């Protein structure tokens, strides 16, 4: 299983560096950073990365995704409360900077 982090900034940007440390500390795994070039692509890139890790079974059905993908996005004009809620989810996969 691979773990990916999709973020708006470049591979060596602040988003990637900070979240890589958070996920490594929480999950104890290395993370592959995938910059997406803006917040409009976060969801589609995350879905594509997970979907491509499905394995087709002998009966023709597909497995659950083998890889996990997390995302961080800029808050932009949304409220601090809305951003904070993304960090308090029970099984967060997408966060918003506060």
N, C-alpha and C. Protein backbone atom coordinates (compact mmCIF):
# COMPACT_ATOMS: atom_id res chain seq x y z
N UNK A 1 0.84 -1.18 0.00
CA UNK A 1 0.00 0.00 0.00
C UNK A 1 0.89 1.24 0.00
N UNK A 2 0.55 2.18 -0.85
CA UNK A 2 1.23 3.47 -0.89
C UNK A 2 0.34 4.52 -0.25
N UNK A 3 0.96 5.52 0.33
CA UNK A 3 0.24 6.65 0.88
C UNK A 3 0.67 7.89 0.12
N UNK A 4 -0.32 8.63 -0.38
CA UNK A 4 -0.08 9.85 -1.15
C UNK A 4 -0.64 11.05 -0.40
N UNK A 5 -0.02 12.17 -0.61
CA UNK A 5 -0.53 13.44 -0.15
C UNK A 5 -0.63 14.34 -1.35
N UNK A 6 -1.84 14.78 -1.67
CA UNK A 6 -2.01 15.74 -2.75
C UNK A 6 -2.20 17.12 -2.13
N UNK A 7 -1.51 18.09 -2.69
CA UNK A 7 -1.57 19.44 -2.15
C UNK A 7 -1.45 20.45 -3.28
N UNK A 8 -1.82 21.68 -2.99
CA UNK A 8 -1.85 22.72 -4.00
C UNK A 8 -0.46 23.18 -4.41
N UNK A 9 0.45 23.20 -3.48
CA UNK A 9 1.78 23.75 -3.74
C UNK A 9 2.72 22.77 -4.42
N UNK A 10 3.97 23.18 -4.63
CA UNK A 10 4.97 22.32 -5.26
C UNK A 10 5.41 21.19 -4.32
N UNK A 11 6.09 20.21 -4.86
CA UNK A 11 6.54 19.05 -4.08
C UNK A 11 7.33 19.45 -2.84
N UNK A 12 8.21 20.44 -2.99
CA UNK A 12 9.04 20.83 -1.85
C UNK A 12 8.48 22.04 -1.10
N UNK A 13 7.20 22.34 -1.29
CA UNK A 13 6.56 23.48 -0.63
C UNK A 13 6.19 23.20 0.81
N UNK A 14 5.71 24.22 1.49
CA UNK A 14 5.35 24.11 2.89
C UNK A 14 4.27 23.07 3.13
N UNK A 15 3.22 23.04 2.29
CA UNK A 15 2.15 22.04 2.46
C UNK A 15 2.74 20.63 2.53
N UNK A 16 3.54 20.29 1.56
CA UNK A 16 4.11 18.95 1.49
C UNK A 16 5.01 18.62 2.66
N UNK A 17 5.86 19.54 3.04
CA UNK A 17 6.79 19.29 4.14
C UNK A 17 6.07 19.11 5.46
N UNK A 18 5.13 19.99 5.76
CA UNK A 18 4.42 19.92 7.04
C UNK A 18 3.55 18.67 7.11
N UNK A 19 2.76 18.43 6.09
CA UNK A 19 1.85 17.28 6.14
C UNK A 19 2.58 15.95 6.05
N UNK A 20 3.69 15.92 5.36
CA UNK A 20 4.49 14.71 5.34
C UNK A 20 4.89 14.35 6.77
N UNK A 21 5.34 15.32 7.54
CA UNK A 21 5.71 15.06 8.93
C UNK A 21 4.52 14.62 9.76
N UNK A 22 3.36 15.27 9.58
CA UNK A 22 2.18 14.88 10.34
C UNK A 22 1.76 13.45 10.05
N UNK A 23 1.72 13.08 8.78
CA UNK A 23 1.27 11.74 8.41
C UNK A 23 2.31 10.69 8.81
N UNK A 24 3.59 11.00 8.64
CA UNK A 24 4.64 10.07 9.06
C UNK A 24 4.54 9.84 10.56
N UNK A 25 4.34 10.91 11.34
CA UNK A 25 4.24 10.75 12.79
C UNK A 25 2.98 10.00 13.21
N UNK A 26 1.88 10.23 12.51
CA UNK A 26 0.62 9.57 12.88
C UNK A 26 0.56 8.13 12.39
N UNK A 27 0.97 7.90 11.15
CA UNK A 27 0.83 6.58 10.55
C UNK A 27 2.13 5.77 10.52
N UNK A 28 3.26 6.44 10.74
CA UNK A 28 4.54 5.73 10.72
C UNK A 28 4.91 5.23 9.34
N UNK A 29 4.49 5.93 8.30
CA UNK A 29 4.77 5.51 6.92
C UNK A 29 5.30 6.67 6.12
N UNK A 30 6.07 6.36 5.10
CA UNK A 30 6.53 7.39 4.18
C UNK A 30 5.38 7.81 3.26
N UNK A 31 5.42 9.05 2.83
CA UNK A 31 4.35 9.62 2.03
C UNK A 31 4.92 10.09 0.70
N UNK A 32 4.20 9.83 -0.38
CA UNK A 32 4.57 10.34 -1.69
C UNK A 32 3.77 11.61 -1.94
N UNK A 33 4.48 12.71 -2.18
CA UNK A 33 3.83 14.00 -2.39
C UNK A 33 3.47 14.14 -3.86
N UNK A 34 2.22 14.54 -4.14
CA UNK A 34 1.75 14.77 -5.50
C UNK A 34 1.16 16.17 -5.59
N UNK A 35 1.91 17.14 -6.12
CA UNK A 35 1.33 18.47 -6.29
C UNK A 35 0.31 18.47 -7.42
N UNK A 36 -0.77 19.21 -7.24
CA UNK A 36 -1.85 19.17 -8.24
C UNK A 36 -2.03 20.47 -9.00
N UNK A 37 -1.33 21.53 -8.60
CA UNK A 37 -1.41 22.77 -9.36
C UNK A 37 -2.66 23.59 -9.11
N UNK A 38 -3.21 23.56 -7.92
CA UNK A 38 -4.37 24.37 -7.59
C UNK A 38 -5.46 23.57 -6.92
N UNK A 39 -6.33 24.24 -6.19
CA UNK A 39 -7.34 23.53 -5.40
C UNK A 39 -8.42 22.87 -6.24
N UNK A 40 -8.59 23.28 -7.47
CA UNK A 40 -9.61 22.68 -8.32
C UNK A 40 -9.34 21.24 -8.70
N UNK A 41 -8.10 20.80 -8.55
CA UNK A 41 -7.72 19.45 -8.96
C UNK A 41 -7.56 18.48 -7.79
N UNK A 42 -7.67 18.94 -6.57
CA UNK A 42 -7.42 18.07 -5.41
C UNK A 42 -8.26 16.80 -5.43
N UNK A 43 -9.56 16.95 -5.56
CA UNK A 43 -10.45 15.79 -5.52
C UNK A 43 -10.24 14.82 -6.67
N UNK A 44 -10.06 15.35 -7.88
CA UNK A 44 -9.92 14.45 -9.03
C UNK A 44 -8.58 13.71 -8.99
N UNK A 45 -7.52 14.37 -8.58
CA UNK A 45 -6.22 13.68 -8.49
C UNK A 45 -6.26 12.64 -7.38
N UNK A 46 -6.85 12.97 -6.23
CA UNK A 46 -6.96 12.01 -5.14
C UNK A 46 -7.76 10.78 -5.57
N UNK A 47 -8.89 11.01 -6.23
CA UNK A 47 -9.71 9.88 -6.70
C UNK A 47 -8.96 9.02 -7.70
N UNK A 48 -8.27 9.65 -8.63
CA UNK A 48 -7.52 8.91 -9.65
C UNK A 48 -6.43 8.05 -9.01
N UNK A 49 -5.71 8.61 -8.04
CA UNK A 49 -4.65 7.84 -7.39
C UNK A 49 -5.22 6.62 -6.66
N UNK A 50 -6.35 6.79 -5.98
CA UNK A 50 -6.95 5.64 -5.29
C UNK A 50 -7.52 4.63 -6.27
N UNK A 51 -8.24 5.11 -7.27
CA UNK A 51 -8.88 4.20 -8.22
C UNK A 51 -7.87 3.34 -8.98
N UNK A 52 -6.74 3.90 -9.31
CA UNK A 52 -5.76 3.12 -10.08
C UNK A 52 -5.12 2.00 -9.25
N UNK A 53 -5.34 2.01 -7.94
CA UNK A 53 -4.77 0.96 -7.09
C UNK A 53 -5.72 -0.21 -6.87
N UNK A 54 -6.91 -0.14 -7.44
CA UNK A 54 -7.84 -1.28 -7.33
C UNK A 54 -7.32 -2.46 -8.14
N UNK A 55 -7.60 -3.65 -7.66
CA UNK A 55 -7.17 -4.87 -8.33
C UNK A 55 -8.41 -5.62 -8.82
N UNK A 56 -8.37 -6.05 -10.08
CA UNK A 56 -9.50 -6.80 -10.61
C UNK A 56 -9.40 -8.25 -10.14
N UNK A 57 -10.47 -8.72 -9.56
CA UNK A 57 -10.53 -10.10 -9.06
C UNK A 57 -10.86 -11.05 -10.20
N UNK A 58 -10.69 -12.33 -9.96
CA UNK A 58 -10.95 -13.34 -10.99
C UNK A 58 -12.41 -13.37 -11.43
N UNK A 59 -13.33 -12.94 -10.56
CA UNK A 59 -14.75 -12.93 -10.93
C UNK A 59 -15.16 -11.64 -11.66
N UNK A 60 -14.18 -10.77 -11.95
CA UNK A 60 -14.45 -9.55 -12.68
C UNK A 60 -14.76 -8.34 -11.83
N UNK A 61 -14.97 -8.54 -10.52
CA UNK A 61 -15.21 -7.40 -9.65
C UNK A 61 -13.88 -6.75 -9.27
N UNK A 62 -13.97 -5.54 -8.71
CA UNK A 62 -12.78 -4.79 -8.35
C UNK A 62 -12.66 -4.69 -6.83
N UNK A 63 -11.45 -4.75 -6.35
CA UNK A 63 -11.18 -4.62 -4.92
C UNK A 63 -11.36 -3.17 -4.47
N UNK A 64 -11.31 -2.97 -3.18
CA UNK A 64 -11.24 -1.62 -2.64
C UNK A 64 -9.88 -1.05 -3.01
N UNK A 65 -9.74 0.27 -3.02
CA UNK A 65 -8.42 0.84 -3.32
C UNK A 65 -7.35 0.34 -2.35
N UNK A 66 -6.19 0.01 -2.88
CA UNK A 66 -5.08 -0.46 -2.07
C UNK A 66 -4.29 0.71 -1.48
N UNK A 67 -4.30 1.84 -2.16
CA UNK A 67 -3.55 3.01 -1.73
C UNK A 67 -4.46 3.97 -0.99
N UNK A 68 -3.87 4.78 -0.11
CA UNK A 68 -4.59 5.82 0.62
C UNK A 68 -4.10 7.17 0.14
N UNK A 69 -5.03 8.11 -0.03
CA UNK A 69 -4.68 9.44 -0.51
C UNK A 69 -5.27 10.47 0.45
N UNK A 70 -4.43 11.38 0.89
CA UNK A 70 -4.82 12.48 1.75
C UNK A 70 -4.63 13.78 0.99
N UNK A 71 -5.37 14.81 1.36
CA UNK A 71 -5.26 16.09 0.67
C UNK A 71 -5.30 17.24 1.67
N UNK A 72 -4.62 18.32 1.32
CA UNK A 72 -4.69 19.56 2.10
C UNK A 72 -4.96 20.69 1.12
N UNK A 73 -5.84 21.60 1.53
CA UNK A 73 -6.18 22.72 0.65
C UNK A 73 -6.10 24.02 1.42
N UNK A 74 -5.93 25.10 0.71
CA UNK A 74 -5.91 26.43 1.32
C UNK A 74 -7.32 26.81 1.76
N UNK A 75 -7.40 27.59 2.82
CA UNK A 75 -8.69 28.01 3.35
C UNK A 75 -9.35 29.03 2.44
N UNK A 76 -8.55 29.86 1.79
CA UNK A 76 -9.05 30.93 0.94
C UNK A 76 -10.03 31.80 1.73
N UNK A 77 -11.28 31.90 1.32
CA UNK A 77 -12.23 32.80 1.98
C UNK A 77 -13.21 32.07 2.89
N UNK A 78 -12.93 30.83 3.18
CA UNK A 78 -13.84 30.09 4.07
C UNK A 78 -13.51 30.40 5.54
N UNK A 79 -14.45 30.14 6.41
CA UNK A 79 -14.29 30.51 7.82
C UNK A 79 -13.29 29.61 8.53
N UNK A 80 -12.73 30.13 9.61
CA UNK A 80 -11.81 29.34 10.44
C UNK A 80 -12.54 28.15 11.04
N UNK A 81 -13.83 28.33 11.35
CA UNK A 81 -14.63 27.23 11.89
C UNK A 81 -14.73 26.08 10.89
N UNK A 82 -15.02 26.42 9.65
CA UNK A 82 -15.11 25.38 8.61
C UNK A 82 -13.78 24.66 8.44
N UNK A 83 -12.70 25.42 8.46
CA UNK A 83 -11.37 24.81 8.34
C UNK A 83 -11.09 23.91 9.53
N UNK A 84 -11.43 24.36 10.72
CA UNK A 84 -11.19 23.57 11.92
C UNK A 84 -11.94 22.25 11.92
N UNK A 85 -13.14 22.24 11.35
CA UNK A 85 -13.93 21.02 11.30
C UNK A 85 -13.25 19.93 10.48
N UNK A 86 -12.46 20.30 9.49
CA UNK A 86 -11.78 19.28 8.68
C UNK A 86 -10.72 18.54 9.49
N UNK A 87 -10.20 19.16 10.53
CA UNK A 87 -9.17 18.54 11.37
C UNK A 87 -9.78 17.71 12.49
N UNK A 88 -11.07 17.86 12.75
CA UNK A 88 -11.72 17.15 13.85
C UNK A 88 -12.52 15.93 13.40
N UNK A 89 -12.47 15.61 12.13
CA UNK A 89 -13.20 14.46 11.60
C UNK A 89 -12.61 13.16 12.15
N UNK A 90 -13.44 12.14 12.32
CA UNK A 90 -12.96 10.85 12.83
C UNK A 90 -11.99 10.16 11.89
N UNK A 91 -12.23 10.24 10.61
CA UNK A 91 -11.33 9.59 9.64
C UNK A 91 -11.00 10.60 8.53
N UNK A 92 -10.23 11.61 8.87
CA UNK A 92 -9.97 12.67 7.88
C UNK A 92 -9.06 12.21 6.76
N UNK A 93 -9.40 12.60 5.56
CA UNK A 93 -8.53 12.36 4.40
C UNK A 93 -8.29 13.66 3.66
N UNK A 94 -9.03 14.69 4.04
CA UNK A 94 -8.85 15.99 3.37
C UNK A 94 -8.94 17.09 4.42
N UNK A 95 -7.89 17.86 4.53
CA UNK A 95 -7.81 18.93 5.51
C UNK A 95 -7.76 20.28 4.83
N UNK A 96 -8.08 21.30 5.63
CA UNK A 96 -7.99 22.67 5.15
C UNK A 96 -7.12 23.43 6.15
N UNK A 97 -6.15 24.18 5.63
CA UNK A 97 -5.32 24.98 6.52
C UNK A 97 -6.21 25.94 7.31
N UNK A 98 -5.87 26.16 8.57
CA UNK A 98 -6.68 27.04 9.45
C UNK A 98 -6.33 28.47 9.22
